[in-house]
Amino acid sequence: MDCKEITSPQKLVSLFREENETGLNRVFKCFFNLFFEDFRRLAHKYCINKFYTRYIEDELAKDAFNDGLMSFYFKLKQEGFEEKGALIKTAFFSFCIFKLKGLTKALGRRLIKETVVSPIVSFENPDIVTDEQKDIWDDEQLLFTEEEIFLTALKELGERGANLITWKKVHKLKNEEIALKMGIKPDTVPNEVYKSFTKLKGIVDRLKAPIR
């Protein structure tokens, strides 16, 4: 099939409603061939200021694109194309962007939950963790809900510290992977993450003080 066919709303709805798995797979491939690169660039611009999405922009773009395509498919198959004067690409991207926003928001929430609720790092040698350090893990003051304060604190912490925390707790990278990115030794990663976490806690406490 000619991929340009999917840019016609009437033709696309017809293709979506056909009970033909092979044909449908071709349609999906056409969406990828025609639109993915443009959406990938759009996703990169959307994610560029969100440090916790750094280095996974392509993965997020693919997930959002695929999820958006399936939602777009089911809607058009059931309801047809009702957006008068709208382009297929524009309408389709609205579904993809909605999915992308959901994915990035979930990552942000996960970062906050992982950082403020559970220990930031498991030390390979528990003997190096002092009682004072252990108390930090149980500090109930970290269980805050002010998302803006937390994200502001991470920004103030700086790119290096924010990356360390994000890579360890959200992306679940191994010490060796983090060390390679940071240019440090793997056995120093736990302490580096701990120091960033401690500094982050201090910033959060300071930012929260005026509103208590």
Protein backbone atom coordinates (compact mmCIF):
# COMPACT_ATOMS: atom_id res chain seq x y z
CA MET A 1 0.00 0.00 0.00
CA ASP A 2 0.98 3.62 -0.50
CA CYS A 3 1.64 5.17 2.91
CA LYS A 4 0.18 8.46 1.72
CA GLU A 5 -3.23 6.79 1.90
CA ILE A 6 -3.25 7.06 5.68
CA THR A 7 -3.24 10.86 5.46
CA SER A 8 -6.80 10.72 4.11
CA PRO A 9 -9.25 10.55 7.07
CA GLN A 10 -11.87 8.58 5.12
CA LYS A 11 -9.35 6.08 3.77
CA LEU A 12 -7.68 5.66 7.15
CA VAL A 13 -10.97 4.94 8.92
CA SER A 14 -11.74 2.38 6.22
CA LEU A 15 -8.35 0.72 6.71
CA PHE A 16 -8.78 0.66 10.48
CA ARG A 17 -12.18 -1.00 10.16
CA GLU A 18 -11.01 -3.76 7.87
CA GLU A 19 -10.64 -7.12 9.59
CA ASN A 20 -7.23 -7.68 8.07
CA GLU A 21 -4.31 -8.11 10.46
CA THR A 22 -1.69 -7.99 7.71
CA GLY A 23 -3.15 -4.81 6.30
CA LEU A 24 -3.38 -3.24 9.73
CA ASN A 25 0.28 -4.00 10.42
CA ARG A 26 1.17 -2.22 7.18
CA VAL A 27 -0.86 0.79 8.28
CA PHE A 28 0.97 0.88 11.62
CA LYS A 29 4.32 0.69 9.81
CA CYS A 30 3.25 3.60 7.65
CA PHE A 31 2.54 5.67 10.76
CA PHE A 32 6.01 4.89 12.00
CA ASN A 33 7.65 5.68 8.66
CA LEU A 34 5.78 8.94 8.14
CA PHE A 35 5.50 10.40 11.61
CA PHE A 36 7.86 8.89 14.16
CA GLU A 37 10.93 11.05 13.49
CA ASP A 38 8.86 14.23 13.80
CA PHE A 39 7.32 13.00 17.03
CA ARG A 40 10.69 11.92 18.40
CA ARG A 41 11.99 15.47 17.93
CA LEU A 42 8.84 16.85 19.54
CA ALA A 43 9.24 14.48 22.49
CA HIS A 44 12.87 15.51 22.91
CA LYS A 45 11.87 19.18 23.15
CA TYR A 46 9.19 18.31 25.68
CA CYS A 47 11.57 16.27 27.83
CA ILE A 48 14.66 18.47 27.56
CA ASN A 49 13.94 20.45 30.74
CA LYS A 50 12.99 17.38 32.76
CA PHE A 51 16.25 15.98 34.04
CA TYR A 52 14.65 12.71 35.12
CA THR A 53 13.87 11.87 31.49
CA ARG A 54 17.43 12.50 30.33
CA TYR A 55 18.93 9.71 28.24
CA ILE A 56 15.58 7.94 27.88
CA GLU A 57 13.88 10.43 25.54
CA ASP A 58 13.90 7.94 22.64
CA GLU A 59 12.40 5.21 24.82
CA LEU A 60 9.67 7.55 26.04
CA ALA A 61 8.99 8.70 22.49
CA LYS A 62 8.56 5.11 21.28
CA ASP A 63 6.26 4.18 24.16
CA ALA A 64 4.15 7.31 23.76
CA PHE A 65 4.00 6.85 19.99
CA ASN A 66 2.90 3.22 20.24
CA ASP A 67 0.38 3.90 23.00
CA GLY A 68 -0.94 6.93 21.15
CA LEU A 69 -1.29 4.94 17.95
CA MET A 70 -3.34 2.23 19.63
CA SER A 71 -5.65 4.81 21.24
CA PHE A 72 -5.98 6.63 17.92
CA TYR A 73 -6.76 3.34 16.17
CA PHE A 74 -9.52 2.33 18.57
CA LYS A 75 -11.11 5.79 18.50
CA LEU A 76 -11.19 6.04 14.71
CA LYS A 77 -12.33 2.46 14.32
CA GLN A 78 -15.28 3.02 16.65
CA GLU A 79 -16.16 6.67 16.06
CA GLY A 80 -14.63 7.68 12.74
CA PHE A 81 -12.76 10.92 12.18
CA GLU A 82 -14.80 13.85 13.47
CA GLU A 83 -12.20 16.63 13.59
CA LYS A 84 -13.30 18.79 10.67
CA GLY A 85 -10.42 20.37 8.82
CA ALA A 86 -7.82 18.68 11.03
CA LEU A 87 -4.89 16.78 9.62
CA ILE A 88 -4.36 13.14 10.50
CA LYS A 89 -0.87 13.93 11.79
CA THR A 90 -2.13 16.73 14.04
CA ALA A 91 -4.95 14.64 15.46
CA PHE A 92 -2.70 11.62 15.94
CA PHE A 93 0.01 13.64 17.68
CA SER A 94 -2.55 14.92 20.19
CA PHE A 95 -2.98 11.30 21.35
CA CYS A 96 0.78 10.72 21.46
CA ILE A 97 1.47 13.91 23.42
CA PHE A 98 -1.22 12.97 25.94
CA LYS A 99 0.52 9.62 26.45
CA LEU A 100 3.94 11.29 26.67
CA LYS A 101 2.73 13.68 29.37
CA GLY A 102 1.35 10.73 31.31
CA LEU A 103 4.60 8.80 31.07
CA THR A 104 6.77 11.74 32.16
CA LYS A 105 4.41 12.64 34.99
CA ALA A 106 4.55 9.04 36.22
CA LEU A 107 8.37 9.20 36.16
CA GLY A 108 8.32 12.40 38.20
CA ARG A 109 5.99 10.87 40.78
CA ARG A 110 8.13 7.78 40.94
CA LEU A 111 11.23 9.89 41.53
CA ILE A 112 9.55 11.70 44.42
CA LYS A 113 8.20 8.49 45.94
CA GLU A 114 11.48 6.63 45.62
CA THR A 115 13.47 9.51 47.06
CA VAL A 116 11.34 10.63 49.98
CA VAL A 117 9.80 7.35 51.09
CA SER A 118 12.56 4.76 50.75
CA PRO A 119 16.34 4.77 51.22
CA ILE A 120 18.15 6.40 48.35
CA VAL A 121 20.80 3.73 48.13
CA SER A 122 21.66 0.35 49.49
CA PHE A 123 25.28 0.37 50.61
CA GLU A 124 27.23 -2.72 49.72
CA ASN A 125 29.00 -2.44 53.07
CA PRO A 126 26.42 -1.68 55.79
CA ASP A 127 29.19 -1.06 58.32
CA ILE A 128 29.93 2.32 56.73
CA VAL A 129 26.40 3.57 57.49
CA THR A 130 26.25 5.34 60.84
CA ASP A 131 23.25 5.49 63.17
CA GLU A 132 22.85 9.13 62.22
CA GLN A 133 22.67 8.19 58.55
CA LYS A 134 20.12 5.47 59.24
CA ASP A 135 17.94 7.97 61.04
CA ILE A 136 17.66 9.92 57.81
CA TRP A 137 15.88 7.03 56.15
CA ASP A 138 13.15 7.16 58.79
CA ASP A 139 12.82 10.92 58.92
CA GLU A 140 9.10 11.48 58.58
CA GLN A 141 9.71 15.06 57.58
CA LEU A 142 10.67 13.75 54.17
CA LEU A 143 7.15 12.49 53.57
CA PHE A 144 5.93 15.72 52.03
CA THR A 145 3.45 16.25 49.23
CA GLU A 146 4.64 19.58 47.88
CA GLU A 147 5.85 18.38 44.50
CA GLU A 148 6.97 21.84 43.42
CA ILE A 149 9.24 22.17 46.46
CA PHE A 150 10.86 18.83 45.74
CA LEU A 151 11.47 19.59 42.09
CA THR A 152 12.79 23.04 42.98
CA ALA A 153 15.19 21.42 45.44
CA LEU A 154 16.42 18.99 42.82
CA LYS A 155 17.06 21.86 40.44
CA GLU A 156 19.00 23.71 43.13
CA LEU A 157 20.93 20.55 43.93
CA GLY A 158 22.42 20.75 40.47
CA GLU A 159 22.72 18.47 37.48
CA ARG A 160 25.32 16.13 38.99
CA GLY A 161 23.41 15.36 42.18
CA ALA A 162 20.05 15.19 40.44
CA ASN A 163 21.46 12.76 37.89
CA LEU A 164 22.95 10.54 40.59
CA ILE A 165 19.63 10.30 42.44
CA THR A 166 17.60 9.82 39.27
CA TRP A 167 19.89 7.18 37.79
CA LYS A 168 19.96 5.19 41.03
CA LYS A 169 16.32 5.36 42.08
CA VAL A 170 14.30 5.91 38.91
CA HIS A 171 16.35 4.40 36.12
CA LYS A 172 17.72 1.69 38.43
CA LEU A 173 21.17 1.81 36.89
CA LYS A 174 23.96 -0.31 38.34
CA ASN A 175 26.90 1.32 40.07
CA GLU A 176 29.13 0.45 37.12
CA GLU A 177 26.78 2.18 34.69
CA ILE A 178 26.56 5.31 36.83
CA ALA A 179 30.32 5.35 37.33
CA LEU A 180 30.85 5.23 33.57
CA LYS A 181 28.54 8.18 33.04
CA MET A 182 30.08 10.19 35.87
CA GLY A 183 33.71 9.29 35.26
CA ILE A 184 34.18 7.93 38.79
CA LYS A 185 34.94 4.53 40.35
CA PRO A 186 31.99 2.15 40.85
CA ASP A 187 32.70 1.63 44.55
CA THR A 188 32.35 5.37 45.17
CA VAL A 189 28.87 5.60 43.67
CA PRO A 190 26.89 4.69 46.84
CA ASN A 191 28.60 7.38 48.89
CA GLU A 192 28.21 9.92 46.10
CA VAL A 193 24.49 9.19 45.89
CA TYR A 194 24.19 9.37 49.68
CA LYS A 195 25.92 12.77 49.79
CA SER A 196 23.59 14.08 47.09
CA PHE A 197 20.58 12.77 48.98
CA THR A 198 21.72 14.38 52.23
CA LYS A 199 22.27 17.71 50.47
CA LEU A 200 18.85 17.41 48.84
CA LYS A 201 17.24 16.85 52.24
CA GLY A 202 18.86 20.02 53.55
CA ILE A 203 17.56 22.04 50.61
CA VAL A 204 14.06 20.64 51.03
CA ASP A 205 14.05 21.47 54.74
CA ARG A 206 15.13 25.01 53.98
CA LEU A 207 12.52 25.49 51.27
CA LYS A 208 9.77 24.09 53.48
CA ALA A 209 10.65 26.18 56.52
CA PRO A 210 8.74 29.34 55.50
CA ILE A 211 5.48 27.48 54.92
CA ARG A 212 5.44 25.37 58.10
